[in-house]
Protein backbone atom coordinates (compact mmCIF):
# COMPACT_ATOMS: atom_id res chain seq x y z
CA MET A 1 -5.16 59.38 0.68
CA PRO A 2 -6.04 55.92 0.84
CA ASP A 3 -8.95 54.43 -1.19
CA GLY A 4 -9.53 51.57 1.43
CA LYS A 5 -8.90 48.28 -0.51
CA THR A 6 -5.60 46.84 0.46
CA ASN A 7 -2.55 46.00 -1.61
CA ALA A 8 -2.66 42.88 -2.88
CA ASP A 9 0.83 41.90 -1.75
CA GLU A 10 0.33 42.50 1.63
CA VAL A 11 -2.65 39.67 1.68
CA PRO A 12 -1.39 36.07 2.67
CA ASP A 13 -2.47 33.98 -0.14
CA PRO A 14 -4.49 31.31 1.37
CA ALA A 15 -3.36 28.88 -1.92
CA PRO A 16 -0.31 27.92 -0.68
CA GLU A 17 -1.37 28.19 3.07
CA ALA A 18 -3.90 24.90 1.88
CA PHE A 19 -1.74 23.58 -0.09
CA GLU A 20 0.93 23.00 2.94
CA LEU A 21 -1.56 21.93 5.66
CA SER A 22 -2.66 19.21 3.14
CA GLY A 23 0.47 17.44 2.55
CA ARG A 24 1.13 18.12 6.37
CA LEU A 25 -2.20 16.07 7.60
CA VAL A 26 -1.13 13.28 5.27
CA LEU A 27 2.11 12.82 6.12
CA ALA A 28 0.71 12.95 9.37
CA GLY A 29 -1.95 10.16 9.16
CA ARG A 30 -4.88 12.59 10.05
CA TYR A 31 -6.35 11.42 6.54
CA GLU A 32 -10.25 13.31 7.56
CA GLU A 33 -9.02 16.35 8.04
CA ALA A 34 -6.55 16.09 4.85
CA LEU A 35 -9.45 15.50 2.79
CA ALA A 36 -11.35 18.77 4.01
CA ALA A 37 -8.16 20.62 3.50
CA THR A 38 -7.74 19.32 0.04
CA ASP A 39 -11.38 20.24 -0.66
CA GLU A 40 -10.45 23.71 0.17
CA ALA A 41 -6.66 24.15 -1.47
CA ALA A 42 -8.58 22.68 -4.41
CA ARG A 43 -10.89 25.21 -4.41
CA LEU A 44 -8.69 27.73 -4.22
CA TYR A 45 -6.76 26.52 -6.99
CA ARG A 46 -9.66 25.81 -9.83
CA GLU A 47 -11.17 29.40 -8.43
CA ARG A 48 -7.75 30.87 -9.92
CA ILE A 49 -7.12 29.02 -12.87
CA ALA A 50 -11.32 29.26 -13.99
CA ASP A 51 -10.81 33.43 -13.25
CA ALA A 52 -10.86 35.02 -16.52
CA ARG A 53 -8.62 37.41 -15.29
CA THR A 54 -5.64 34.98 -14.91
CA GLY A 55 -3.12 35.02 -17.77
CA ARG A 56 -1.97 31.63 -19.37
CA LEU A 57 1.21 31.49 -16.78
CA GLU A 58 -0.61 31.97 -13.86
CA ALA A 59 -3.01 29.54 -14.66
CA LEU A 60 0.03 26.83 -14.89
CA ALA A 61 1.10 28.35 -12.13
CA ALA A 62 -2.32 27.34 -10.15
CA ALA A 63 -2.29 23.75 -11.96
CA ALA A 64 1.02 22.23 -11.09
CA PRO A 65 -0.28 22.71 -6.86
CA LEU A 66 -3.57 21.68 -8.16
CA ALA A 67 -2.42 18.29 -9.31
CA TYR A 68 -0.38 17.68 -6.05
CA VAL A 69 -3.07 18.56 -4.02
CA LEU A 70 -5.03 15.83 -6.09
CA VAL A 71 -2.35 13.60 -5.05
CA PHE A 72 -2.98 14.01 -1.54
CA ARG A 73 -6.21 13.94 -1.75
CA CYS A 74 -5.96 10.04 -3.26
CA GLU A 75 -3.36 8.91 -0.80
CA ALA A 76 -5.77 10.08 1.90
CA LEU A 77 -8.68 8.12 0.18
CA SER A 78 -6.68 4.84 -0.47
CA LYS A 79 -5.53 5.23 3.60
CA LEU A 80 -9.41 5.07 4.10
CA GLY A 81 -10.39 2.27 1.82
CA ARG A 82 -12.47 4.60 -0.13
CA TRP A 83 -10.55 3.73 -3.89
CA GLU A 84 -13.45 4.51 -5.98
CA GLU A 85 -13.08 8.24 -5.20
CA CYS A 86 -9.25 8.09 -4.88
CA LEU A 87 -9.54 6.48 -8.78
CA ARG A 88 -11.31 9.19 -9.65
CA THR A 89 -9.50 12.07 -8.40
CA ALA A 90 -5.95 10.24 -9.66
CA SER A 91 -7.64 10.53 -12.97
CA GLU A 92 -8.41 14.37 -12.83
CA ALA A 93 -5.38 14.70 -11.66
CA VAL A 94 -3.40 12.99 -14.71
CA ALA A 95 -5.65 14.34 -17.37
CA LEU A 96 -4.78 17.98 -15.72
CA SER A 97 -1.27 17.01 -16.05
CA ARG A 98 -1.23 15.35 -18.90
CA SER A 99 -3.23 18.77 -20.65
CA GLN A 100 -0.36 20.63 -19.51
CA GLN A 101 2.17 18.14 -20.09
CA ALA A 102 4.13 20.64 -22.84
CA ASP A 103 5.38 22.61 -20.44
CA ALA A 104 9.00 21.73 -19.00
CA PRO A 105 7.36 22.36 -15.15
CA PHE A 106 4.67 19.88 -15.94
CA ALA A 107 6.72 16.99 -15.98
CA ALA A 108 7.37 16.52 -12.44
CA PRO A 109 3.26 16.70 -11.29
CA LEU A 110 2.94 14.01 -14.09
CA GLY A 111 5.04 11.88 -12.56
CA ALA A 112 3.46 11.99 -9.26
CA THR A 113 0.00 11.93 -10.44
CA LEU A 114 0.34 8.74 -12.34
CA MET A 115 1.94 7.04 -9.02
CA GLY A 116 -1.20 8.03 -7.49
CA LEU A 117 -3.22 6.90 -10.25
CA ALA A 118 -1.40 3.35 -10.24
CA THR A 119 -2.21 3.07 -6.92
CA ALA A 120 -5.88 3.68 -7.30
CA LEU A 121 -5.85 0.80 -9.91
CA TRP A 122 -4.22 -1.45 -7.93
CA GLY A 123 -6.33 -0.64 -4.83
CA LEU A 124 -9.33 -2.09 -7.45
CA GLY A 125 -8.25 -4.76 -8.41
CA ARG A 126 -6.65 -3.88 -12.06
CA PRO A 127 -3.24 -4.94 -12.10
CA GLN A 128 -2.26 -4.63 -15.68
CA GLU A 129 -3.31 -1.46 -15.63
CA ALA A 130 -1.48 -0.10 -12.63
CA LEU A 131 1.60 -2.02 -14.40
CA ALA A 132 1.22 0.34 -17.37
CA MET A 133 0.96 3.93 -14.93
CA SER A 134 3.92 2.87 -12.92
CA ARG A 135 6.01 2.14 -16.30
CA GLU A 136 5.28 5.13 -17.53
CA SER A 137 5.78 7.17 -13.96
CA VAL A 138 9.42 5.54 -13.82
CA GLY A 139 10.48 6.13 -17.43
CA LEU A 140 9.31 9.80 -16.77
CA TYR A 141 11.06 10.63 -13.52
CA ARG A 142 14.44 8.73 -15.30
CA ARG A 143 14.38 11.51 -17.84
CA LEU A 144 14.04 14.60 -15.33
CA THR A 145 16.93 12.60 -13.36
CA ARG A 146 19.31 12.75 -16.09
CA ALA A 147 18.63 16.38 -16.39
CA ASP A 148 18.56 17.05 -12.44
CA ALA A 149 19.58 14.87 -9.68
CA ALA A 150 17.03 16.52 -7.57
CA HIS A 151 14.37 14.23 -8.92
CA ARG A 152 16.01 11.19 -7.48
CA PRO A 153 14.26 10.96 -4.54
CA GLN A 154 10.55 10.57 -6.95
CA LEU A 155 12.25 8.10 -9.21
CA ALA A 156 13.31 6.35 -6.17
CA ASN A 157 9.55 6.48 -5.07
CA ALA A 158 8.23 5.54 -8.52
CA LEU A 159 10.93 2.45 -8.70
CA ASN A 160 9.42 1.20 -5.15
CA LEU A 161 5.91 0.86 -6.53
CA LEU A 162 6.75 -0.25 -9.95
CA GLY A 163 8.85 -3.24 -7.92
CA VAL A 164 5.34 -3.60 -5.74
CA VAL A 165 3.17 -4.24 -9.06
CA LEU A 166 5.83 -6.21 -10.86
CA SER A 167 5.79 -8.78 -8.05
CA ARG A 168 1.65 -8.87 -7.59
CA LEU A 169 1.85 -9.80 -10.81
CA GLY A 170 4.20 -12.73 -10.69
CA LEU A 171 6.87 -10.56 -12.80
CA HIS A 172 9.45 -11.78 -9.41
CA ALA A 173 13.25 -11.11 -11.69
CA GLU A 174 12.12 -7.92 -12.62
CA ALA A 175 10.31 -6.86 -9.38
CA LEU A 176 13.76 -7.60 -7.64
CA LYS A 177 15.83 -5.56 -10.08
CA VAL A 178 13.51 -2.35 -9.51
CA THR A 179 13.55 -2.48 -5.96
CA LYS A 180 17.22 -2.94 -5.68
CA GLU A 181 17.63 0.06 -7.67
CA SER A 182 15.09 1.95 -5.32
CA ALA A 183 17.03 0.76 -1.91
CA ALA A 184 19.98 1.61 -3.34
CA LEU A 185 19.07 5.28 -4.30
CA TYR A 186 17.55 5.91 -1.47
CA ARG A 187 20.57 4.88 0.75
CA ARG A 188 22.59 7.56 -0.81
CA LEU A 189 20.19 10.00 -0.22
CA THR A 190 19.37 9.08 3.42
CA ARG A 191 23.28 9.68 3.64
CA ALA A 192 22.76 12.97 3.21
CA ASP A 193 20.09 13.81 4.49
CA PRO A 194 18.35 10.44 7.07
CA ALA A 195 15.47 13.07 7.93
CA ALA A 196 13.63 13.30 5.02
CA HIS A 197 14.84 9.66 3.07
CA THR A 198 14.92 7.62 5.78
CA LEU A 199 10.98 6.50 5.52
CA GLY A 200 11.81 5.88 1.64
CA LEU A 201 14.85 3.84 2.61
CA ALA A 202 12.63 1.61 5.13
CA GLN A 203 10.00 1.06 2.65
CA ALA A 204 12.12 -0.02 -0.05
CA VAL A 205 14.68 -2.22 2.43
CA ASN A 206 10.72 -3.85 3.64
CA ASN A 207 10.16 -4.39 -0.06
CA LEU A 208 13.24 -5.34 -1.37
CA SER A 209 12.98 -8.28 1.43
CA ARG A 210 9.64 -9.25 0.32
CA ARG A 211 10.99 -9.41 -2.95
CA ARG A 212 14.12 -11.49 -1.90
CA ALA A 213 11.58 -13.88 -0.27
CA VAL A 214 10.14 -14.78 -3.18
CA ARG A 215 12.88 -15.36 -4.95
CA ASN A 216 14.34 -17.77 -2.40
CA HIS A 217 17.46 -15.79 -1.18
CA ARG A 218 16.54 -16.16 2.32
CA ARG A 219 19.22 -15.21 4.34
CA ARG A 220 19.32 -11.84 2.73
CA ALA A 221 15.71 -11.41 2.89
CA LEU A 222 15.85 -11.70 6.74
CA ARG A 223 18.41 -9.16 6.88
CA SER A 224 16.49 -6.64 4.75
CA ALA A 225 13.69 -7.45 7.32
CA GLN A 226 15.50 -6.86 9.90
CA GLU A 227 17.20 -3.62 8.87
CA ALA A 228 13.56 -2.09 7.65
CA VAL A 229 12.10 -3.11 11.21
CA ALA A 230 14.90 -1.17 12.98
CA LEU A 231 14.58 1.89 10.79
CA TYR A 232 10.57 2.06 11.28
CA ARG A 233 11.49 1.95 15.33
CA TRP A 234 14.04 5.00 14.72
CA LEU A 235 11.11 6.85 12.79
CA ALA A 236 8.32 5.74 15.32
CA ARG A 237 10.11 7.16 18.29
CA VAL A 238 10.48 10.40 16.52
CA ASN A 239 6.73 10.55 15.32
CA PRO A 240 4.89 7.26 16.99
CA ALA A 241 1.21 8.48 15.65
CA VAL A 242 2.19 8.11 12.27
CA HIS A 243 4.93 4.84 11.94
CA ARG A 244 3.90 2.58 14.60
CA ARG A 245 1.57 1.25 12.13
CA ASP A 246 4.81 0.98 9.65
CA VAL A 247 6.57 -0.92 12.62
CA ALA A 248 4.15 -3.42 12.87
CA MET A 249 4.00 -3.93 8.93
CA ALA A 250 7.45 -4.55 9.22
CA LEU A 251 7.13 -7.08 11.71
CA GLY A 252 4.53 -9.03 9.90
CA ASN A 253 7.39 -9.41 7.08
CA LEU A 254 9.73 -9.90 9.96
CA ALA A 255 7.71 -12.74 10.58
CA ARG A 256 7.16 -14.23 7.42
CA THR A 257 10.64 -14.32 6.81
CA HIS A 258 12.65 -15.45 10.27
CA PHE A 259 14.42 -18.94 10.12
CA SER A 260 13.29 -19.24 13.90
CA ARG A 261 10.01 -20.02 14.74
CA GLU A 262 10.38 -18.64 18.06
CA ALA A 263 11.17 -14.91 16.78
CA SER A 264 8.46 -15.36 13.95
CA LEU A 265 5.90 -15.46 16.90
CA ALA A 266 7.12 -12.88 18.85
CA ALA A 267 7.52 -10.53 15.58
CA ALA A 268 3.72 -11.61 14.92
CA GLU A 269 2.42 -11.00 18.21
CA GLU A 270 4.11 -7.64 18.67
CA SER A 271 2.57 -6.93 14.79
CA VAL A 272 -1.07 -7.56 16.49
CA ALA A 273 -0.84 -5.89 19.44
CA ILE A 274 0.34 -3.04 17.87
CA LEU A 275 -2.52 -3.25 15.54
CA GLN A 276 -5.09 -3.91 18.06
CA ASP A 277 -4.19 -0.84 20.11
CA LEU A 278 -4.24 0.98 16.29
CA ASP A 279 -7.81 -0.45 15.16
CA GLN A 280 -9.59 0.92 18.38
CA GLY A 281 -8.66 4.40 17.20
CA ASP A 282 -9.87 3.75 13.54
CA PRO A 283 -10.41 0.83 12.28
CA ARG A 284 -11.21 1.79 9.20
CA VAL A 285 -7.27 2.70 8.16
CA HIS A 286 -6.04 0.20 10.43
CA GLY A 287 -8.67 -3.46 9.69
CA ALA A 288 -7.09 -4.58 6.67
CA LEU A 289 -3.59 -4.60 7.89
CA LEU A 290 -4.66 -6.26 11.50
CA ALA A 291 -6.77 -8.79 9.67
CA ASP A 292 -3.44 -9.83 7.73
CA ALA A 293 -1.55 -9.82 10.36
CA LEU A 294 -3.91 -12.13 12.70
CA SER A 295 -3.25 -14.71 9.65
CA LEU A 296 0.45 -14.41 10.21
CA LEU A 297 -0.30 -14.55 13.91
CA ALA A 298 -1.81 -17.86 13.29
CA ALA A 299 0.52 -19.32 10.70
CA ALA A 300 3.38 -18.78 13.43
CA LEU A 301 0.85 -20.41 16.27
CA ALA A 302 0.05 -23.42 13.97
CA ASP A 303 4.07 -23.89 12.90
CA GLN A 304 5.04 -24.62 16.87
CA GLY A 305 1.81 -26.90 16.94
CA ARG A 306 -0.86 -24.91 19.03
CA LEU A 307 -3.28 -25.80 16.39
CA ARG A 308 -6.02 -25.11 18.62
CA GLU A 309 -4.98 -21.45 19.25
CA ALA A 310 -4.69 -20.54 15.72
CA ALA A 311 -7.94 -22.20 14.52
CA ASP A 312 -9.44 -19.64 16.90
CA VAL A 313 -7.08 -16.90 15.61
CA THR A 314 -7.95 -17.82 11.88
CA THR A 315 -11.84 -17.54 12.73
CA ARG A 316 -10.72 -13.87 14.01
CA ALA A 317 -8.84 -13.27 11.16
CA LEU A 318 -11.47 -14.57 8.81
CA ALA A 319 -14.40 -12.76 10.10
CA MET A 320 -12.05 -8.64 9.76
CA MET A 321 -10.90 -10.19 6.62
CA ARG A 322 -14.76 -10.32 5.22
CA GLU A 323 -15.46 -7.06 6.85
CA GLN A 324 -12.63 -5.44 4.65
CA ALA A 325 -14.22 -7.60 1.06
CA ALA A 326 -17.21 -5.88 1.49
CA ILE A 327 -16.03 -2.39 1.49
CA ASN A 328 -13.69 -3.45 -1.26
CA PRO A 329 -15.11 -6.54 -2.76
CA VAL A 330 -12.66 -6.09 -6.41
CA ALA A 331 -9.29 -5.58 -4.34
CA ARG A 332 -10.03 -7.62 -1.57
CA ARG A 333 -10.83 -10.87 -3.11
CA GLY A 334 -7.03 -12.38 -3.34
CA ASP A 335 -6.84 -11.62 0.55
CA LEU A 336 -9.64 -13.01 1.47
CA ALA A 337 -9.42 -16.20 -0.88
CA LEU A 338 -5.84 -16.57 1.19
CA ALA A 339 -7.58 -16.31 4.48
CA LEU A 340 -9.86 -18.53 3.92
CA ALA A 341 -7.40 -21.29 2.41
CA PHE A 342 -5.46 -20.85 5.86
CA HIS A 343 -8.17 -20.96 7.90
CA ALA A 344 -9.44 -24.49 5.91
CA ARG A 345 -5.60 -25.58 6.23
CA VAL A 346 -5.33 -25.19 10.28
CA ARG A 347 -8.53 -27.25 10.24
CA ALA A 348 -7.19 -29.78 8.35
CA GLU A 349 -4.09 -30.33 10.19
CA ALA A 350 -5.93 -30.25 13.60
CA GLY A 351 -8.45 -32.51 12.73
CA THR A 352 -11.47 -30.74 13.90
CA ASP A 353 -14.12 -28.49 12.42
CA LEU A 354 -13.60 -30.50 9.12
CA ALA A 355 -16.89 -29.47 7.62
CA GLU A 356 -16.32 -25.76 8.16
CA GLY A 357 -12.48 -26.06 6.69
CA LEU A 358 -14.46 -28.05 3.35
CA ALA A 359 -16.97 -24.88 3.15
CA ALA A 360 -13.93 -22.37 3.53
CA ALA A 361 -11.56 -24.22 0.80
CA THR A 362 -14.44 -24.84 -1.58
CA GLU A 363 -15.44 -20.90 -1.49
CA ALA A 364 -11.37 -20.19 -1.19
CA VAL A 365 -11.32 -22.27 -4.78
CA GLY A 366 -13.84 -20.13 -6.31
CA LEU A 367 -12.41 -16.94 -5.80
CA MET A 368 -8.76 -18.80 -6.54
CA ARG A 369 -10.62 -19.84 -10.42
CA GLU A 370 -11.62 -15.92 -11.12
CA LEU A 371 -8.60 -14.58 -10.17
CA ALA A 372 -6.53 -17.15 -12.16
CA ALA A 373 -9.12 -16.58 -14.66
CA GLU A 374 -7.88 -12.77 -15.23
CA VAL A 375 -3.94 -12.92 -13.71
CA PRO A 376 -2.99 -16.42 -14.44
CA GLN A 377 0.69 -15.30 -13.46
CA MET A 378 0.06 -14.56 -10.22
CA TYR A 379 -2.55 -16.72 -9.09
CA ALA A 380 -2.51 -20.27 -10.87
CA SER A 381 -0.20 -21.84 -8.25
CA SER A 382 -2.00 -20.42 -5.48
CA LEU A 383 -5.58 -22.00 -7.16
CA ALA A 384 -3.79 -25.43 -7.46
CA GLU A 385 -2.78 -25.69 -3.75
CA VAL A 386 -6.34 -24.72 -2.77
CA ARG A 387 -8.14 -27.08 -4.96
CA ALA A 388 -5.79 -30.07 -3.51
CA LEU A 389 -6.22 -28.81 0.49
CA GLU A 390 -10.40 -28.49 -0.51
CA ASP A 391 -9.28 -32.61 -1.61
CA ARG A 392 -7.42 -33.24 1.16
CA LEU A 393 -10.62 -32.08 3.19
CA ARG A 394 -13.00 -33.54 1.14
CA GLY A 395 -11.64 -37.04 2.03
CA LEU A 396 -11.26 -36.05 5.76
CA THR A 397 -14.51 -34.91 6.00
CA PRO A 398 -17.22 -37.52 6.79
CA PRO A 399 -20.18 -37.98 4.99
CA PRO A 400 -23.42 -36.05 6.50
CA GLY A 401 -25.21 -38.81 8.91
CA ALA A 402 -22.18 -40.56 8.78
């Protein structure tokens, strides 16, 4: 006769369901919901690990998905600009992964957690530490890929992140090399499975355009930027809720790269229009990118001699960038300095609001001086340019009472 107990094999396991939901919500861009889902998934896996009745193999089986859940959580937190929480989450994930590193199944989770930690460190303005984590992740995935080609997507992703960090640190030749490798890997993967890997290819190609532009490979940079826009438009037709933001980002990169001033302006205007629409729904997620896009629009207007319009746009861009810097002061110092510098440059070229332009340039110099002391290879040349702009505006600005 039944004793009232249910066979455990017949009860759905809530932990894997919570895990799958967490991943789907992050991919869908529903970050607040993803945080709630990752909380629940993490709780379930932690309980399983802590349960005294759980054997070693069962605990290991729960630790691996817990590490990935923490990576999902860090991704959602980073998109919401909650970088300190992201760092704590990623650090926990790496510590968990390292504690199990001797077990072969834990090599891949360690690689993923290292990338999450690298992203968090970069977001908090700690690029050298981010570089160390990125290099370790790439090295780990290279070893895994040599043993099993199934790890090639993770290697491609790790290479793409490494290229971003290297470029931001001024290591442009190596950044171009690893980003080319990432794009080549994604091309092979996309030919076999477009649905699974087109997003990775779009990200790598967009970054390849930036790496090529820095190395002055202008025509190749433009072709890569155009390809990235086309790939993201294809993705946005399938899933506009997630990928319209990506289209806007790629259009911004195209605006930077294009030889044609008219085409550059059109790309910048479309980017701003998309992001303004998205920002109305969730400014925490899209505000920083909109501020960048407005700066690009101002640059495109200035290149066409429409300096008064450009000045109006820089005012708005700077106000938005100050809001972003208030949320994340350390990581956004560089972006704020650049926004201040461009705000000042447009006023110098237009010959209007010169005192305001000088104040902006002086503030930018102060920020750039701090940044150049920390990462000279990244900011020393920008500091010199902003100092020259400050001197120019000082010469143009009439003294008080004149």
